[in-house]
C-alpha atoms as a PDB file:
ATOM      1  CA  UNK A   1       7.006   2.821 -26.459  1.00  0.00           C
ATOM      2  CA  UNK A   2       7.192  -0.431 -24.839  1.00  0.00           C
ATOM      3  CA  UNK A   3       4.127  -2.712 -25.653  1.00  0.00           C
ATOM      4  CA  UNK A   4       2.245  -5.140 -22.917  1.00  0.00           C
ATOM      5  CA  UNK A   5       0.489  -7.758 -23.497  1.00  0.00           C
ATOM      6  CA  UNK A   6      -3.962  -6.926 -22.671  1.00  0.00           C
ATOM      7  CA  UNK A   7      -3.791  -9.191 -19.903  1.00  0.00           C
ATOM      8  CA  UNK A   8      -0.787  -7.559 -18.340  1.00  0.00           C
ATOM      9  CA  UNK A   9      -2.434  -4.293 -19.197  1.00  0.00           C
ATOM     10  CA  UNK A  10      -5.558  -5.253 -17.107  1.00  0.00           C
ATOM     11  CA  UNK A  11      -2.656  -6.163 -14.300  1.00  0.00           C
ATOM     12  CA  UNK A  12      -1.273  -3.107 -13.852  1.00  0.00           C
ATOM     13  CA  UNK A  13      -4.457  -0.822 -14.122  1.00  0.00           C
ATOM     14  CA  UNK A  14      -5.812  -2.685 -10.800  1.00  0.00           C
ATOM     15  CA  UNK A  15      -2.291  -2.516  -9.508  1.00  0.00           C
ATOM     16  CA  UNK A  16      -2.711   1.589 -10.652  1.00  0.00           C
ATOM     17  CA  UNK A  17      -6.184   2.040  -8.937  1.00  0.00           C
ATOM     18  CA  UNK A  18      -5.419   2.712  -5.798  1.00  0.00           C
ATOM     19  CA  UNK A  19      -2.291   5.154  -6.846  1.00  0.00           C
ATOM     20  CA  UNK A  20      -2.518   9.203  -6.477  1.00  0.00           C
ATOM     21  CA  UNK A  21      -0.797  11.416  -9.345  1.00  0.00           C
ATOM     22  CA  UNK A  22       2.886  12.057  -8.786  1.00  0.00           C
ATOM     23  CA  UNK A  23       3.207  13.863 -11.503  1.00  0.00           C
ATOM     24  CA  UNK A  24       1.285  16.931 -13.061  1.00  0.00           C
ATOM     25  CA  UNK A  25       1.336  18.521 -16.385  1.00  0.00           C
ATOM     26  CA  UNK A  26      -0.218  22.054 -16.656  1.00  0.00           C
ATOM     27  CA  UNK A  27      -0.531  24.983 -19.480  1.00  0.00           C
ATOM     28  CA  UNK A  28       3.076  24.706 -20.138  1.00  0.00           C
ATOM     29  CA  UNK A  29       3.091  21.207 -21.295  1.00  0.00           C
ATOM     30  CA  UNK A  30       6.430  18.693 -21.303  1.00  0.00           C
ATOM     31  CA  UNK A  31       9.160  21.016 -20.263  1.00  0.00           C
ATOM     32  CA  UNK A  32      12.144  18.987 -19.307  1.00  0.00           C
ATOM     33  CA  UNK A  33      11.593  19.561 -15.874  1.00  0.00           C
ATOM     34  CA  UNK A  34       8.180  17.933 -15.939  1.00  0.00           C
ATOM     35  CA  UNK A  35       9.957  15.080 -18.319  1.00  0.00           C
ATOM     36  CA  UNK A  36      12.721  14.469 -15.772  1.00  0.00           C
ATOM     37  CA  UNK A  37      10.353  14.130 -12.695  1.00  0.00           C
ATOM     38  CA  UNK A  38       8.407  11.749 -15.038  1.00  0.00           C
ATOM     39  CA  UNK A  39      11.846   9.765 -15.118  1.00  0.00           C
ATOM     40  CA  UNK A  40      12.629   9.739 -11.320  1.00  0.00           C
ATOM     41  CA  UNK A  41       9.534   8.482 -10.442  1.00  0.00           C
ATOM     42  CA  UNK A  42       8.796   5.627 -13.316  1.00  0.00           C
ATOM     43  CA  UNK A  43      12.608   5.406 -11.694  1.00  0.00           C
ATOM     44  CA  UNK A  44      11.696   4.800  -7.916  1.00  0.00           C
ATOM     45  CA  UNK A  45       7.536   3.722  -8.348  1.00  0.00           C
ATOM     46  CA  UNK A  46       7.783   1.398 -11.840  1.00  0.00           C
ATOM     47  CA  UNK A  47       3.634   2.230 -12.310  1.00  0.00           C
ATOM     48  CA  UNK A  48       2.653   5.905 -12.370  1.00  0.00           C
ATOM     49  CA  UNK A  49      -0.318   8.319 -12.556  1.00  0.00           C
ATOM     50  CA  UNK A  50       0.341  11.371 -14.162  1.00  0.00           C
ATOM     51  CA  UNK A  51      -2.433  14.223 -14.071  1.00  0.00           C
ATOM     52  CA  UNK A  52      -2.909  16.570 -17.217  1.00  0.00           C
ATOM     53  CA  UNK A  53      -4.378  20.067 -16.140  1.00  0.00           C
ATOM     54  CA  UNK A  54      -6.188  22.077 -19.231  1.00  0.00           C
ATOM     55  CA  UNK A  55      -5.407  20.110 -21.996  1.00  0.00           C
ATOM     56  CA  UNK A  56      -7.665  18.639 -24.824  1.00  0.00           C
ATOM     57  CA  UNK A  57      -8.671  14.732 -25.230  1.00  0.00           C
ATOM     58  CA  UNK A  58      -6.663  14.328 -28.477  1.00  0.00           C
ATOM     59  CA  UNK A  59      -3.652  16.328 -27.116  1.00  0.00           C
ATOM     60  CA  UNK A  60      -3.467  14.291 -24.253  1.00  0.00           C
ATOM     61  CA  UNK A  61      -3.040  10.940 -26.321  1.00  0.00           C
ATOM     62  CA  UNK A  62      -0.598  12.774 -27.745  1.00  0.00           C
ATOM     63  CA  UNK A  63       1.229  13.871 -24.597  1.00  0.00           C
ATOM     64  CA  UNK A  64       1.191  10.623 -23.245  1.00  0.00           C
ATOM     65  CA  UNK A  65       2.456   8.722 -26.879  1.00  0.00           C
ATOM     66  CA  UNK A  66       5.414  11.451 -26.529  1.00  0.00           C
ATOM     67  CA  UNK A  67       6.204  10.779 -22.923  1.00  0.00           C
ATOM     68  CA  UNK A  68       5.851   7.006 -23.251  1.00  0.00           C
ATOM     69  CA  UNK A  69       8.103   7.442 -26.840  1.00  0.00           C
ATOM     70  CA  UNK A  70      10.993   9.580 -25.036  1.00  0.00           C
ATOM     71  CA  UNK A  71      11.080   7.337 -21.689  1.00  0.00           C
ATOM     72  CA  UNK A  72      10.648   4.327 -23.194  1.00  0.00           C
ATOM     73  CA  UNK A  73       7.533   3.354 -21.467  1.00  0.00           C
ATOM     74  CA  UNK A  74       4.332   1.337 -21.727  1.00  0.00           C
ATOM     75  CA  UNK A  75       0.914   3.430 -22.059  1.00  0.00           C
ATOM     76  CA  UNK A  76      -1.293   1.669 -19.347  1.00  0.00           C
ATOM     77  CA  UNK A  77      -3.929   3.869 -19.400  1.00  0.00           C
ATOM     78  CA  UNK A  78      -6.007   7.037 -20.092  1.00  0.00           C
ATOM     79  CA  UNK A  79      -9.026   7.712 -18.199  1.00  0.00           C
ATOM     80  CA  UNK A  80     -10.330  11.418 -18.225  1.00  0.00           C
ATOM     81  CA  UNK A  81      -7.035  13.666 -17.161  1.00  0.00           C
ATOM     82  CA  UNK A  82      -4.982  10.984 -15.963  1.00  0.00           C
ATOM     83  CA  UNK A  83      -2.796   8.765 -17.225  1.00  0.00           C
ATOM     84  CA  UNK A  84      -0.985   5.668 -16.020  1.00  0.00           C
ATOM     85  CA  UNK A  85       2.724   5.083 -17.368  1.00  0.00           C
ATOM     86  CA  UNK A  86       4.856   1.828 -16.663  1.00  0.00           C
ATOM     87  CA  UNK A  87       8.208   1.120 -16.848  1.00  0.00           C
ATOM     88  CA  UNK A  88      10.180  -1.867 -15.875  1.00  0.00           C
ATOM     89  CA  UNK A  89      13.028  -0.418 -13.225  1.00  0.00           C
ATOM     90  CA  UNK A  90      16.057   0.848 -15.009  1.00  0.00           C
ATOM     91  CA  UNK A  91      19.585  -1.423 -13.339  1.00  0.00           C
ATOM     92  CA  UNK A  92      21.544   1.560 -12.562  1.00  0.00           C
ATOM     93  CA  UNK A  93      25.674   1.122 -12.003  1.00  0.00           C
ATOM     94  CA  UNK A  94      25.782   2.682  -8.545  1.00  0.00           C
ATOM     95  CA  UNK A  95      23.160   0.929  -7.158  1.00  0.00           C
ATOM     96  CA  UNK A  96      24.438  -2.418  -8.460  1.00  0.00           C
ATOM     97  CA  UNK A  97      27.957  -1.170  -6.680  1.00  0.00           C
ATOM     98  CA  UNK A  98      26.610  -0.456  -3.597  1.00  0.00           C
ATOM     99  CA  UNK A  99      24.650  -3.951  -3.430  1.00  0.00           C
ATOM    100  CA  UNK A 100      27.851  -5.429  -3.687  1.00  0.00           C
ATOM    101  CA  UNK A 101      29.467  -2.934  -0.959  1.00  0.00           C
ATOM    102  CA  UNK A 102      26.444  -3.384   1.646  1.00  0.00           C
ATOM    103  CA  UNK A 103      26.900  -6.044   3.820  1.00  0.00           C
ATOM    104  CA  UNK A 104      24.278  -9.133   4.695  1.00  0.00           C
ATOM    105  CA  UNK A 105      22.717  -8.066   7.977  1.00  0.00           C
ATOM    106  CA  UNK A 106      23.477 -10.379  10.847  1.00  0.00           C
ATOM    107  CA  UNK A 107      20.132 -11.800  12.210  1.00  0.00           C
ATOM    108  CA  UNK A 108      19.670 -12.823  15.880  1.00  0.00           C
ATOM    109  CA  UNK A 109      19.197 -16.254  16.171  1.00  0.00           C
ATOM    110  CA  UNK A 110      15.207 -16.428  17.602  1.00  0.00           C
ATOM    111  CA  UNK A 111      15.023 -17.339  21.574  1.00  0.00           C
ATOM    112  CA  UNK A 112      13.374 -20.560  22.146  1.00  0.00           C
ATOM    113  CA  UNK A 113      10.794 -20.595  24.902  1.00  0.00           C
ATOM    114  CA  UNK A 114      11.775 -22.874  27.658  1.00  0.00           C
ATOM    115  CA  UNK A 115       8.514 -25.188  29.328  1.00  0.00           C
ATOM    116  CA  UNK A 116       8.848 -23.558  31.820  1.00  0.00           C
ATOM    117  CA  UNK A 117       7.889 -19.774  30.034  1.00  0.00           C
ATOM    118  CA  UNK A 118       4.903 -21.399  28.700  1.00  0.00           C
ATOM    119  CA  UNK A 119       3.624 -22.487  31.827  1.00  0.00           C
ATOM    120  CA  UNK A 120       4.229 -18.955  33.526  1.00  0.00           C
ATOM    121  CA  UNK A 121       2.178 -17.390  30.688  1.00  0.00           C
ATOM    122  CA  UNK A 122      -1.172 -20.111  31.174  1.00  0.00           C
ATOM    123  CA  UNK A 123      -0.915 -19.290  35.165  1.00  0.00           C
ATOM    124  CA  UNK A 124      -1.049 -15.259  34.467  1.00  0.00           C
ATOM    125  CA  UNK A 125      -3.690 -15.753  31.416  1.00  0.00           C
ATOM    126  CA  UNK A 126      -5.474 -18.200  33.996  1.00  0.00           C
ATOM    127  CA  UNK A 127      -5.537 -15.806  36.658  1.00  0.00           C
ATOM    128  CA  UNK A 128      -6.297 -13.169  34.920  1.00  0.00           C
ATOM    129  CA  UNK A 129      -9.494 -15.668  33.531  1.00  0.00           C
ATOM    130  CA  UNK A 130     -10.968 -15.990  37.040  1.00  0.00           C
ATOM    131  CA  UNK A 131     -10.582 -12.224  38.243  1.00  0.00           C
ATOM    132  CA  UNK A 132     -12.731 -11.109  35.213  1.00  0.00           C
ATOM    133  CA  UNK A 133     -14.994 -14.055  36.119  1.00  0.00           C
ATOM    134  CA  UNK A 134     -15.111 -12.909  40.010  1.00  0.00           C
ATOM    135  CA  UNK A 135     -15.560  -9.808  38.637  1.00  0.00           C
ATOM    136  CA  UNK A 136     -18.557 -10.460  36.029  1.00  0.00           C
ATOM    137  CA  UNK A 137     -20.178 -12.967  38.928  1.00  0.00           C
ATOM    138  CA  UNK A 138     -20.574  -9.574  41.453  1.00  0.00           C
ATOM    139  CA  UNK A 139     -22.037  -7.865  38.881  1.00  0.00           C
ATOM    140  CA  UNK A 140     -25.089 -10.321  37.765  1.00  0.00           C
ATOM    141  CA  UNK A 141     -28.085  -9.602  39.509  1.00  0.00           C
ATOM    142  CA  UNK A 142     -30.684 -12.613  40.270  1.00  0.00           C
ATOM    143  CA  UNK A 143     -32.907 -13.316  37.467  1.00  0.00           C
ATOM    144  CA  UNK A 144     -36.935 -12.401  37.975  1.00  0.00           C
ATOM    145  CA  UNK A 145     -38.294 -16.060  37.031  1.00  0.00           C
ATOM    146  CA  UNK A 146     -41.564 -15.566  39.002  1.00  0.00           C
ATOM    147  CA  UNK A 147     -42.893 -12.907  36.001  1.00  0.00           C
ATOM    148  CA  UNK A 148     -43.587 -10.611  38.963  1.00  0.00           C
ATOM    149  CA  UNK A 149     -42.447  -7.646  39.570  1.00  0.00           C
ATOM    150  CA  UNK A 150     -39.779  -7.406  41.806  1.00  0.00           C
ATOM    151  CA  UNK A 151     -40.842  -6.128  45.460  1.00  0.00           C
ATOM    152  CA  UNK A 152     -40.007  -2.775  46.647  1.00  0.00           C
ATOM    153  CA  UNK A 153     -38.341  -2.424  49.742  1.00  0.00           C
ATOM    154  CA  UNK A 154     -38.998   1.112  51.384  1.00  0.00           C
END
């Protein structure tokens, strides 16, 4: 089992707050398939939540210790039926060779906008703005500043 500092544990708890459980442990307990799924999830995400169904609190604490010992992970938090587990992602042989084989993607250079393009964009926005102003002025009704109700036309 990996030991982590209280500051690291606090940071991991806050990072795990928004996560959903990715593995569930039910009445059968920690089967090899469940353990393999936790291993895959730790490799993919590093920080995971595990939901435990139908197991008492003392047994959940033992289960958390058992999982962490078996997978060389660190227990972050045990709150209710949720276990939070962290382990640094392990480097695998296949991923390192894939990185070496993979070529760097070529990036297309960013286009420089010319002064002409900036002027054209400014003209378009000015035309759009003036059209909106004209429309707004047409819809406005004159204010009644006399305080009297407007005269009705029959």
